Amino acid sequence: MKNNLTGNTYKMETEFLKVRLFFESDNSLVFTILDGDLTAIGHTEKVETTIAEIRPNVYMVAWKEISGATVTHVEDHENGIVYSNATLPNGGFYTMKGTIRPFRD
């Protein structure tokens, strides 16, 4: 079942990262690191996602990266807020809150 994220691009900004998220399909996204300290700027990766709609315009999105990092977002598109948890291969754990908005070049 198609979700409202599919085909759209968003910019996520937290204190640690700025990321472009392109929801390519119902179960994949392409992310690009725009700025931040956790991953190399410019790093782009296509990942398989699990997306659950919590309520209209609020989604839980989870994926595992090639590096072994795991990421879970709660994306509130109605209010432009994202909550993100990331576990890095080195054992680092980050809990972040920030904004999520449609991406504009």
PDB file of N, CA and C in Angstrom:
ATOM      1  N   MET A   1       0.843  -1.187   0.000  1.00  0.00           N
ATOM      2  CA  MET A   1       0.000   0.000   0.000  1.00  0.00           C
ATOM      3  C   MET A   1       0.884   1.244   0.000  1.00  0.00           C
ATOM      4  N   LYS A   2       0.644   2.118  -0.917  1.00  0.00           N
ATOM      5  CA  LYS A   2       1.443   3.335  -1.053  1.00  0.00           C
ATOM      6  C   LYS A   2       1.207   4.260   0.144  1.00  0.00           C
ATOM      7  N   ASN A   3       2.309   4.770   0.680  1.00  0.00           N
ATOM      8  CA  ASN A   3       2.184   5.760   1.745  1.00  0.00           C
ATOM      9  C   ASN A   3       2.384   7.153   1.149  1.00  0.00           C
ATOM     10  N   ASN A   4       2.083   8.175   1.900  1.00  0.00           N
ATOM     11  CA  ASN A   4       2.182   9.554   1.399  1.00  0.00           C
ATOM     12  C   ASN A   4       3.617  10.053   1.295  1.00  0.00           C
ATOM     13  N   LEU A   5       4.593   9.292   1.766  1.00  0.00           N
ATOM     14  CA  LEU A   5       5.992   9.701   1.665  1.00  0.00           C
ATOM     15  C   LEU A   5       6.579   9.361   0.299  1.00  0.00           C
ATOM     16  N   THR A   6       6.092   8.274  -0.314  1.00  0.00           N
ATOM     17  CA  THR A   6       6.666   7.758  -1.551  1.00  0.00           C
ATOM     18  C   THR A   6       6.682   8.810  -2.651  1.00  0.00           C
ATOM     19  N   GLY A   7       7.874   8.969  -3.253  1.00  0.00           N
ATOM     20  CA  GLY A   7       8.062   9.929  -4.331  1.00  0.00           C
ATOM     21  C   GLY A   7       8.424  11.325  -3.872  1.00  0.00           C
ATOM     22  N   ASN A   8       8.482  11.533  -2.573  1.00  0.00           N
ATOM     23  CA  ASN A   8       8.775  12.865  -2.030  1.00  0.00           C
ATOM     24  C   ASN A   8      10.180  12.943  -1.439  1.00  0.00           C
ATOM     25  N   THR A   9      10.709  14.162  -1.398  1.00  0.00           N
ATOM     26  CA  THR A   9      12.032  14.432  -0.842  1.00  0.00           C
ATOM     27  C   THR A   9      11.892  15.420   0.302  1.00  0.00           C
ATOM     28  N   TYR A  10      12.599  15.148   1.398  1.00  0.00           N
ATOM     29  CA  TYR A  10      12.530  15.981   2.600  1.00  0.00           C
ATOM     30  C   TYR A  10      13.934  16.341   3.069  1.00  0.00           C
ATOM     31  N   LYS A  11      14.016  17.436   3.795  1.00  0.00           N
ATOM     32  CA  LYS A  11      15.266  17.820   4.450  1.00  0.00           C
ATOM     33  C   LYS A  11      15.048  17.689   5.946  1.00  0.00           C
ATOM     34  N   MET A  12      15.902  16.884   6.570  1.00  0.00           N
ATOM     35  CA  MET A  12      15.872  16.690   8.015  1.00  0.00           C
ATOM     36  C   MET A  12      17.054  17.437   8.617  1.00  0.00           C
ATOM     37  N   GLU A  13      16.813  18.206   9.656  1.00  0.00           N
ATOM     38  CA  GLU A  13      17.889  18.929  10.338  1.00  0.00           C
ATOM     39  C   GLU A  13      17.801  18.680  11.831  1.00  0.00           C
ATOM     40  N   THR A  14      18.927  18.222  12.409  1.00  0.00           N
ATOM     41  CA  THR A  14      19.050  18.068  13.856  1.00  0.00           C
ATOM     42  C   THR A  14      20.344  18.751  14.273  1.00  0.00           C
ATOM     43  N   GLU A  15      20.648  18.699  15.560  1.00  0.00           N
ATOM     44  CA  GLU A  15      21.888  19.310  16.033  1.00  0.00           C
ATOM     45  C   GLU A  15      23.124  18.589  15.498  1.00  0.00           C
ATOM     46  N   PHE A  16      22.979  17.315  15.095  1.00  0.00           N
ATOM     47  CA  PHE A  16      24.112  16.530  14.624  1.00  0.00           C
ATOM     48  C   PHE A  16      24.194  16.396  13.104  1.00  0.00           C
ATOM     49  N   LEU A  17      23.048  16.507  12.408  1.00  0.00           N
ATOM     50  CA  LEU A  17      22.999  16.175  10.983  1.00  0.00           C
ATOM     51  C   LEU A  17      22.029  17.046  10.205  1.00  0.00           C
ATOM     52  N   LYS A  18      22.342  17.212   8.925  1.00  0.00           N
ATOM     53  CA  LYS A  18      21.388  17.696   7.936  1.00  0.00           C
ATOM     54  C   LYS A  18      21.398  16.648   6.833  1.00  0.00           C
ATOM     55  N   VAL A  19      20.208  16.132   6.510  1.00  0.00           N
ATOM     56  CA  VAL A  19      20.108  15.001   5.585  1.00  0.00           C
ATOM     57  C   VAL A  19      18.964  15.237   4.601  1.00  0.00           C
ATOM     58  N   ARG A  20      19.211  14.862   3.346  1.00  0.00           N
ATOM     59  CA  ARG A  20      18.136  14.825   2.344  1.00  0.00           C
ATOM     60  C   ARG A  20      17.631  13.392   2.295  1.00  0.00           C
ATOM     61  N   LEU A  21      16.310  13.219   2.398  1.00  0.00           N
ATOM     62  CA  LEU A  21      15.667  11.907   2.373  1.00  0.00           C
ATOM     63  C   LEU A  21      14.740  11.845   1.171  1.00  0.00           C
ATOM     64  N   PHE A  22      15.023  10.950   0.230  1.00  0.00           N
ATOM     65  CA  PHE A  22      14.145  10.738  -0.912  1.00  0.00           C
ATOM     66  C   PHE A  22      13.484   9.378  -0.759  1.00  0.00           C
ATOM     67  N   PHE A  23      12.169   9.376  -0.581  1.00  0.00           N
ATOM     68  CA  PHE A  23      11.414   8.135  -0.425  1.00  0.00           C
ATOM     69  C   PHE A  23      11.104   7.592  -1.818  1.00  0.00           C
ATOM     70  N   GLU A  24      11.975   6.722  -2.286  1.00  0.00           N
ATOM     71  CA  GLU A  24      11.929   6.198  -3.645  1.00  0.00           C
ATOM     72  C   GLU A  24      10.718   5.283  -3.880  1.00  0.00           C
ATOM     73  N   SER A  25      10.391   4.482  -2.878  1.00  0.00           N
ATOM     74  CA  SER A  25       9.256   3.561  -2.974  1.00  0.00           C
ATOM     75  C   SER A  25       8.693   3.350  -1.578  1.00  0.00           C
ATOM     76  N   ASP A  26       7.700   2.458  -1.494  1.00  0.00           N
ATOM     77  CA  ASP A  26       7.104   2.171  -0.184  1.00  0.00           C
ATOM     78  C   ASP A  26       8.074   1.502   0.772  1.00  0.00           C
ATOM     79  N   ASN A  27       9.167   0.934   0.233  1.00  0.00           N
ATOM     80  CA  ASN A  27      10.104   0.235   1.116  1.00  0.00           C
ATOM     81  C   ASN A  27      11.560   0.574   0.832  1.00  0.00           C
ATOM     82  N   SER A  28      11.817   1.736   0.240  1.00  0.00           N
ATOM     83  CA  SER A  28      13.214   2.159   0.074  1.00  0.00           C
ATOM     84  C   SER A  28      13.315   3.680   0.065  1.00  0.00           C
ATOM     85  N   LEU A  29      14.449   4.144   0.560  1.00  0.00           N
ATOM     86  CA  LEU A  29      14.741   5.566   0.487  1.00  0.00           C
ATOM     87  C   LEU A  29      16.212   5.743   0.174  1.00  0.00           C
ATOM     88  N   VAL A  30      16.514   6.915  -0.355  1.00  0.00           N
ATOM     89  CA  VAL A  30      17.895   7.301  -0.621  1.00  0.00           C
ATOM     90  C   VAL A  30      18.177   8.501   0.266  1.00  0.00           C
ATOM     91  N   PHE A  31      19.199   8.380   1.113  1.00  0.00           N
ATOM     92  CA  PHE A  31      19.568   9.520   1.954  1.00  0.00           C
ATOM     93  C   PHE A  31      20.914  10.068   1.503  1.00  0.00           C
ATOM     94  N   THR A  32      21.065  11.368   1.665  1.00  0.00           N
ATOM     95  CA  THR A  32      22.321  12.051   1.369  1.00  0.00           C
ATOM     96  C   THR A  32      22.656  12.951   2.543  1.00  0.00           C
ATOM     97  N   ILE A  33      23.867  12.810   3.075  1.00  0.00           N
ATOM     98  CA  ILE A  33      24.309  13.650   4.189  1.00  0.00           C
ATOM     99  C   ILE A  33      24.707  15.011   3.623  1.00  0.00           C
ATOM    100  N   LEU A  34      24.042  16.055   4.094  1.00  0.00           N
ATOM    101  CA  LEU A  34      24.321  17.417   3.640  1.00  0.00           C
ATOM    102  C   LEU A  34      25.313  18.128   4.550  1.00  0.00           C
ATOM    103  N   ASP A  35      25.286  17.773   5.838  1.00  0.00           N
ATOM    104  CA  ASP A  35      26.182  18.404   6.811  1.00  0.00           C
ATOM    105  C   ASP A  35      26.099  17.598   8.103  1.00  0.00           C
ATOM    106  N   GLY A  36      27.149  17.683   8.907  1.00  0.00           N
ATOM    107  CA  GLY A  36      27.104  17.032  10.208  1.00  0.00           C
ATOM    108  C   GLY A  36      28.373  16.303  10.569  1.00  0.00           C
ATOM    109  N   ASP A  37      28.354  15.749  11.780  1.00  0.00           N
ATOM    110  CA  ASP A  37      29.536  15.128  12.360  1.00  0.00           C
ATOM    111  C   ASP A  37      29.498  13.607  12.396  1.00  0.00           C
ATOM    112  N   LEU A  38      28.358  12.988  12.102  1.00  0.00           N
ATOM    113  CA  LEU A  38      28.233  11.549  12.296  1.00  0.00           C
ATOM    114  C   LEU A  38      28.669  10.726  11.094  1.00  0.00           C
ATOM    115  N   THR A  39      28.556  11.280   9.900  1.00  0.00           N
ATOM    116  CA  THR A  39      28.875  10.565   8.661  1.00  0.00           C
ATOM    117  C   THR A  39      29.472  11.568   7.676  1.00  0.00           C
ATOM    118  N   ALA A  40      30.255  11.075   6.738  1.00  0.00           N
ATOM    119  CA  ALA A  40      30.915  11.957   5.769  1.00  0.00           C
ATOM    120  C   ALA A  40      29.891  12.758   4.958  1.00  0.00           C
ATOM    121  N   ILE A  41      30.139  14.046   4.851  1.00  0.00           N
ATOM    122  CA  ILE A  41      29.278  14.919   4.051  1.00  0.00           C
ATOM    123  C   ILE A  41      29.317  14.434   2.604  1.00  0.00           C
ATOM    124  N   GLY A  42      28.151  14.349   1.998  1.00  0.00           N
ATOM    125  CA  GLY A  42      28.031  13.872   0.633  1.00  0.00           C
ATOM    126  C   GLY A  42      27.740  12.386   0.527  1.00  0.00           C
ATOM    127  N   HIS A  43      27.882  11.651   1.642  1.00  0.00           N
ATOM    128  CA  HIS A  43      27.592  10.210   1.607  1.00  0.00           C
ATOM    129  C   HIS A  43      26.142  10.003   1.196  1.00  0.00           C
ATOM    130  N   THR A  44      25.924   9.157   0.195  1.00  0.00           N
ATOM    131  CA  THR A  44      24.592   8.813  -0.295  1.00  0.00           C
ATOM    132  C   THR A  44      24.447   7.308  -0.260  1.00  0.00           C
ATOM    133  N   GLU A  45      23.276   6.870   0.172  1.00  0.00           N
ATOM    134  CA  GLU A  45      23.043   5.429   0.259  1.00  0.00           C
ATOM    135  C   GLU A  45      21.558   5.144   0.061  1.00  0.00           C
ATOM    136  N   LYS A  46      21.272   4.072  -0.655  1.00  0.00           N
ATOM    137  CA  LYS A  46      19.905   3.582  -0.794  1.00  0.00           C
ATOM    138  C   LYS A  46      19.716   2.478   0.227  1.00  0.00           C
ATOM    139  N   VAL A  47      18.645   2.570   1.025  1.00  0.00           N
ATOM    140  CA  VAL A  47      18.385   1.593   2.081  1.00  0.00           C
ATOM    141  C   VAL A  47      16.962   1.053   1.969  1.00  0.00           C
ATOM    142  N   GLU A  48      16.810  -0.160   2.452  1.00  0.00           N
ATOM    143  CA  GLU A  48      15.483  -0.766   2.540  1.00  0.00           C
ATOM    144  C   GLU A  48      14.835  -0.283   3.829  1.00  0.00           C
ATOM    145  N   THR A  49      13.594   0.159   3.739  1.00  0.00           N
ATOM    146  CA  THR A  49      12.914   0.725   4.899  1.00  0.00           C
ATOM    147  C   THR A  49      11.697  -0.090   5.304  1.00  0.00           C
ATOM    148  N   THR A  50      11.343   0.094   6.548  1.00  0.00           N
ATOM    149  CA  THR A  50      10.047  -0.328   7.055  1.00  0.00           C
ATOM    150  C   THR A  50       9.339   0.954   7.459  1.00  0.00           C
ATOM    151  N   ILE A  51       8.160   1.168   6.926  1.00  0.00           N
ATOM    152  CA  ILE A  51       7.414   2.396   7.206  1.00  0.00           C
ATOM    153  C   ILE A  51       6.060   2.023   7.786  1.00  0.00           C
ATOM    154  N   ALA A  52       5.746   2.597   8.948  1.00  0.00           N
ATOM    155  CA  ALA A  52       4.449   2.381   9.584  1.00  0.00           C
ATOM    156  C   ALA A  52       3.787   3.737   9.814  1.00  0.00           C
ATOM    157  N   GLU A  53       2.569   3.875   9.331  1.00  0.00           N
ATOM    158  CA  GLU A  53       1.827   5.112   9.576  1.00  0.00           C
ATOM    159  C   GLU A  53       1.200   5.028  10.965  1.00  0.00           C
ATOM    160  N   ILE A  54       1.579   5.954  11.828  1.00  0.00           N
ATOM    161  CA  ILE A  54       1.066   5.986  13.197  1.00  0.00           C
ATOM    162  C   ILE A  54      -0.311   6.647  13.222  1.00  0.00           C
ATOM    163  N   ARG A  55      -0.417   7.736  12.496  1.00  0.00           N
ATOM    164  CA  ARG A  55      -1.672   8.438  12.251  1.00  0.00           C
ATOM    165  C   ARG A  55      -1.429   9.260  10.988  1.00  0.00           C
ATOM    166  N   PRO A  56      -2.446   9.887  10.423  1.00  0.00           N
ATOM    167  CA  PRO A  56      -2.201  10.656   9.204  1.00  0.00           C
ATOM    168  C   PRO A  56      -1.035  11.641   9.377  1.00  0.00           C
ATOM    169  N   ASN A  57      -0.090  11.576   8.448  1.00  0.00           N
ATOM    170  CA  ASN A  57       1.088  12.456   8.406  1.00  0.00           C
ATOM    171  C   ASN A  57       2.113  12.224   9.508  1.00  0.00           C
ATOM    172  N   VAL A  58       2.004  11.112  10.221  1.00  0.00           N
ATOM    173  CA  VAL A  58       3.022  10.736  11.214  1.00  0.00           C
ATOM    174  C   VAL A  58       3.444   9.296  10.918  1.00  0.00           C
ATOM    175  N   TYR A  59       4.752   9.115  10.712  1.00  0.00           N
ATOM    176  CA  TYR A  59       5.282   7.814  10.309  1.00  0.00           C
ATOM    177  C   TYR A  59       6.450   7.406  11.174  1.00  0.00           C
ATOM    178  N   MET A  60       6.564   6.095  11.416  1.00  0.00           N
ATOM    179  CA  MET A  60       7.777   5.529  11.974  1.00  0.00           C
ATOM    180  C   MET A  60       8.509   4.877  10.803  1.00  0.00           C
ATOM    181  N   VAL A  61       9.766   5.292  10.590  1.00  0.00           N
ATOM    182  CA  VAL A  61      10.564   4.815   9.471  1.00  0.00           C
ATOM    183  C   VAL A  61      11.852   4.222  10.045  1.00  0.00           C
ATOM    184  N   ALA A  62      12.185   3.000   9.659  1.00  0.00           N
ATOM    185  CA  ALA A  62      13.385   2.350  10.190  1.00  0.00           C
ATOM    186  C   ALA A  62      14.173   1.711   9.056  1.00  0.00           C
ATOM    187  N   TRP A  63      15.519   1.685   9.236  1.00  0.00           N
ATOM    188  CA  TRP A  63      16.381   1.036   8.253  1.00  0.00           C
ATOM    189  C   TRP A  63      17.726   0.679   8.867  1.00  0.00           C
ATOM    190  N   LYS A  64      18.452  -0.177   8.141  1.00  0.00           N
ATOM    191  CA  LYS A  64      19.817  -0.544   8.501  1.00  0.00           C
ATOM    192  C   LYS A  64      20.715  -0.171   7.331  1.00  0.00           C
ATOM    193  N   GLU A  65      21.833   0.476   7.633  1.00  0.00           N
ATOM    194  CA  GLU A  65      22.763   0.935   6.609  1.00  0.00           C
ATOM    195  C   GLU A  65      23.851  -0.102   6.336  1.00  0.00           C
ATOM    196  N   ILE A  66      24.543   0.053   5.225  1.00  0.00           N
ATOM    197  CA  ILE A  66      25.626  -0.853   4.855  1.00  0.00           C
ATOM    198  C   ILE A  66      26.659  -0.949   5.971  1.00  0.00           C
ATOM    199  N   SER A  67      26.922   0.163   6.658  1.00  0.00           N
ATOM    200  CA  SER A  67      27.919   0.195   7.729  1.00  0.00           C
ATOM    201  C   SER A  67      27.499  -0.616   8.948  1.00  0.00           C
ATOM    202  N   GLY A  68      26.212  -0.961   9.024  1.00  0.00           N
ATOM    203  CA  GLY A  68      25.673  -1.632  10.202  1.00  0.00           C
ATOM    204  C   GLY A  68      24.909  -0.687  11.111  1.00  0.00           C
ATOM    205  N   ALA A  69      24.980   0.609  10.840  1.00  0.00           N
ATOM    206  CA  ALA A  69      24.210   1.585  11.615  1.00  0.00           C
ATOM    207  C   ALA A  69      22.722   1.293  11.455  1.00  0.00           C
ATOM    208  N   THR A  70      21.973   1.482  12.533  1.00  0.00           N
ATOM    209  CA  THR A  70      20.520   1.352  12.471  1.00  0.00           C
ATOM    210  C   THR A  70      19.894   2.694  12.803  1.00  0.00           C
ATOM    211  N   VAL A  71      18.802   2.997  12.136  1.00  0.00           N
ATOM    212  CA  VAL A  71      18.141   4.298  12.298  1.00  0.00           C
ATOM    213  C   VAL A  71      16.643   4.068  12.424  1.00  0.00           C
ATOM    214  N   THR A  72      16.024   4.765  13.364  1.00  0.00           N
ATOM    215  CA  THR A  72      14.569   4.788  13.481  1.00  0.00           C
ATOM    216  C   THR A  72      14.130   6.237  13.650  1.00  0.00           C
ATOM    217  N   HIS A  73      13.199   6.646  12.809  1.00  0.00           N
ATOM    218  CA  HIS A  73      12.624   7.995  12.884  1.00  0.00           C
ATOM    219  C   HIS A  73      11.156   7.903  13.248  1.00  0.00           C
ATOM    220  N   VAL A  74      10.682   8.871  13.981  1.00  0.00           N
ATOM    221  CA  VAL A  74       9.262   9.187  14.027  1.00  0.00           C
ATOM    222  C   VAL A  74       9.174  10.546  13.357  1.00  0.00           C
ATOM    223  N   GLU A  75       8.517  10.572  12.204  1.00  0.00           N
ATOM    224  CA  GLU A  75       8.432  11.778  11.382  1.00  0.00           C
ATOM    225  C   GLU A  75       7.016  12.329  11.442  1.00  0.00           C
ATOM    226  N   ASP A  76       6.882  13.488  12.059  1.00  0.00           N
ATOM    227  CA  ASP A  76       5.594  14.177  12.169  1.00  0.00           C
ATOM    228  C   ASP A  76       5.577  15.258  11.089  1.00  0.00           C
ATOM    229  N   HIS A  77       5.043  14.920   9.929  1.00  0.00           N
ATOM    230  CA  HIS A  77       5.047  15.855   8.805  1.00  0.00           C
ATOM    231  C   HIS A  77       4.005  16.947   8.966  1.00  0.00           C
ATOM    232  N   GLU A  78       3.008  16.731   9.786  1.00  0.00           N
ATOM    233  CA  GLU A  78       2.000  17.765  10.045  1.00  0.00           C
ATOM    234  C   GLU A  78       2.626  18.943  10.794  1.00  0.00           C
ATOM    235  N   ASN A  79       3.511  18.630  11.749  1.00  0.00           N
ATOM    236  CA  ASN A  79       4.134  19.672  12.570  1.00  0.00           C
ATOM    237  C   ASN A  79       5.589  19.937  12.208  1.00  0.00           C
ATOM    238  N   GLY A  80       6.140  19.194  11.237  1.00  0.00           N
ATOM    239  CA  GLY A  80       7.518  19.414  10.792  1.00  0.00           C
ATOM    240  C   GLY A  80       8.571  19.000  11.808  1.00  0.00           C
ATOM    241  N   ILE A  81       8.264  17.966  12.616  1.00  0.00           N
ATOM    242  CA  ILE A  81       9.184  17.528  13.669  1.00  0.00           C
ATOM    243  C   ILE A  81       9.624  16.094  13.387  1.00  0.00           C
ATOM    244  N   VAL A  82      10.909  15.823  13.618  1.00  0.00           N
ATOM    245  CA  VAL A  82      11.419  14.460  13.496  1.00  0.00           C
ATOM    246  C   VAL A  82      12.135  14.083  14.790  1.00  0.00           C
ATOM    247  N   TYR A  83      11.897  12.868  15.245  1.00  0.00           N
ATOM    248  CA  TYR A  83      12.622  12.258  16.350  1.00  0.00           C
ATOM    249  C   TYR A  83      13.411  11.121  15.740  1.00  0.00           C
ATOM    250  N   SER A  84      14.711  11.085  15.980  1.00  0.00           N
ATOM    251  CA  SER A  84      15.562  10.093  15.343  1.00  0.00           C
ATOM    252  C   SER A  84      16.455   9.427  16.375  1.00  0.00           C
ATOM    253  N   ASN A  85      16.544   8.103  16.281  1.00  0.00           N
ATOM    254  CA  ASN A  85      17.489   7.335  17.087  1.00  0.00           C
ATOM    255  C   ASN A  85      18.400   6.592  16.131  1.00  0.00           C
ATOM    256  N   ALA A  86      19.703   6.699  16.364  1.00  0.00           N
ATOM    257  CA  ALA A  86      20.676   6.027  15.506  1.00  0.00           C
ATOM    258  C   ALA A  86      21.697   5.313  16.372  1.00  0.00           C
ATOM    259  N   THR A  87      21.957   4.058  16.025  1.00  0.00           N
ATOM    260  CA  THR A  87      23.009   3.285  16.665  1.00  0.00           C
ATOM    261  C   THR A  87      24.099   3.079  15.628  1.00  0.00           C
ATOM    262  N   LEU A  88      25.311   3.521  15.942  1.00  0.00           N
ATOM    263  CA  LEU A  88      26.425   3.432  15.010  1.00  0.00           C
ATOM    264  C   LEU A  88      27.234   2.162  15.254  1.00  0.00           C
ATOM    265  N   PRO A  89      27.964   1.700  14.231  1.00  0.00           N
ATOM    266  CA  PRO A  89      28.757   0.465  14.372  1.00  0.00           C
ATOM    267  C   PRO A  89      29.778   0.514  15.508  1.00  0.00           C
ATOM    268  N   ASN A  90      30.258   1.727  15.848  1.00  0.00           N
ATOM    269  CA  ASN A  90      31.243   1.860  16.926  1.00  0.00           C
ATOM    270  C   ASN A  90      30.606   1.821  18.310  1.00  0.00           C
ATOM    271  N   GLY A  91      29.273   1.598  18.351  1.00  0.00           N
ATOM    272  CA  GLY A  91      28.575   1.533  19.630  1.00  0.00           C
ATOM    273  C   GLY A  91      27.937   2.837  20.045  1.00  0.00           C
ATOM    274  N   GLY A  92      28.195   3.901  19.309  1.00  0.00           N
ATOM    275  CA  GLY A  92      27.584   5.183  19.626  1.00  0.00           C
ATOM    276  C   GLY A  92      26.072   5.137  19.447  1.00  0.00           C
ATOM    277  N   PHE A  93      25.365   5.832  20.320  1.00  0.00           N
ATOM    278  CA  PHE A  93      23.910   5.914  20.240  1.00  0.00           C
ATOM    279  C   PHE A  93      23.519   7.375  20.303  1.00  0.00           C
ATOM    280  N   TYR A  94      22.717   7.808  19.351  1.00  0.00           N
ATOM    281  CA  TYR A  94      22.301   9.209  19.277  1.00  0.00           C
ATOM    282  C   TYR A  94      20.790   9.293  19.278  1.00  0.00           C
ATOM    283  N   THR A  95      20.264  10.132  20.149  1.00  0.00           N
ATOM    284  CA  THR A  95      18.847  10.472  20.167  1.00  0.00           C
ATOM    285  C   THR A  95      18.760  11.932  19.742  1.00  0.00           C
ATOM    286  N   MET A  96      18.023  12.170  18.662  1.00  0.00           N
ATOM    287  CA  MET A  96      17.975  13.520  18.087  1.00  0.00           C
ATOM    288  C   MET A  96      16.532  13.966  17.891  1.00  0.00           C
ATOM    289  N   LYS A  97      16.340  15.257  17.954  1.00  0.00           N
ATOM    290  CA  LYS A  97      15.063  15.884  17.619  1.00  0.00           C
ATOM    291  C   LYS A  97      15.382  17.042  16.702  1.00  0.00           C
ATOM    292  N   GLY A  98      14.572  17.200  15.673  1.00  0.00           N
ATOM    293  CA  GLY A  98      14.815  18.294  14.747  1.00  0.00           C
ATOM    294  C   GLY A  98      13.616  18.569  13.886  1.00  0.00           C
ATOM    295  N   THR A  99      13.889  19.164  12.733  1.00  0.00           N
ATOM    296  CA  THR A  99      12.831  19.524  11.811  1.00  0.00           C
ATOM    297  C   THR A  99      12.879  18.638  10.575  1.00  0.00           C
ATOM    298  N   ILE A 100      11.730  18.478   9.959  1.00  0.00           N
ATOM    299  CA  ILE A 100      11.640  17.788   8.665  1.00  0.00           C
ATOM    300  C   ILE A 100      10.669  18.569   7.811  1.00  0.00           C
ATOM    301  N   ARG A 101      11.149  18.934   6.624  1.00  0.00           N
ATOM    302  CA  ARG A 101      10.372  19.772   5.709  1.00  0.00           C
ATOM    303  C   ARG A 101      10.565  19.272   4.280  1.00  0.00           C
ATOM    304  N   PRO A 102       9.620  19.564   3.396  1.00  0.00           N
ATOM    305  CA  PRO A 102       9.854  19.252   1.982  1.00  0.00           C
ATOM    306  C   PRO A 102      11.169  19.883   1.536  1.00  0.00           C
ATOM    307  N   PHE A 103      11.940  19.135   0.740  1.00  0.00           N
ATOM    308  CA  PHE A 103      13.262  19.607   0.292  1.00  0.00           C
ATOM    309  C   PHE A 103      13.098  20.588  -0.845  1.00  0.00           C
ATOM    310  N   ARG A 104      13.793  21.692  -0.742  1.00  0.00           N
ATOM    311  CA  ARG A 104      13.840  22.708  -1.795  1.00  0.00           C
ATOM    312  C   ARG A 104      15.290  22.887  -2.175  1.00  0.00           C
ATOM    313  N   ASP A 105      15.614  22.771  -3.457  1.00  0.00           N
ATOM    314  CA  ASP A 105      17.012  22.961  -3.918  1.00  0.00           C
ATOM    315  C   ASP A 105      17.480  24.370  -3.664  1.00  0.00           C
TER     316      ASP A 105
END
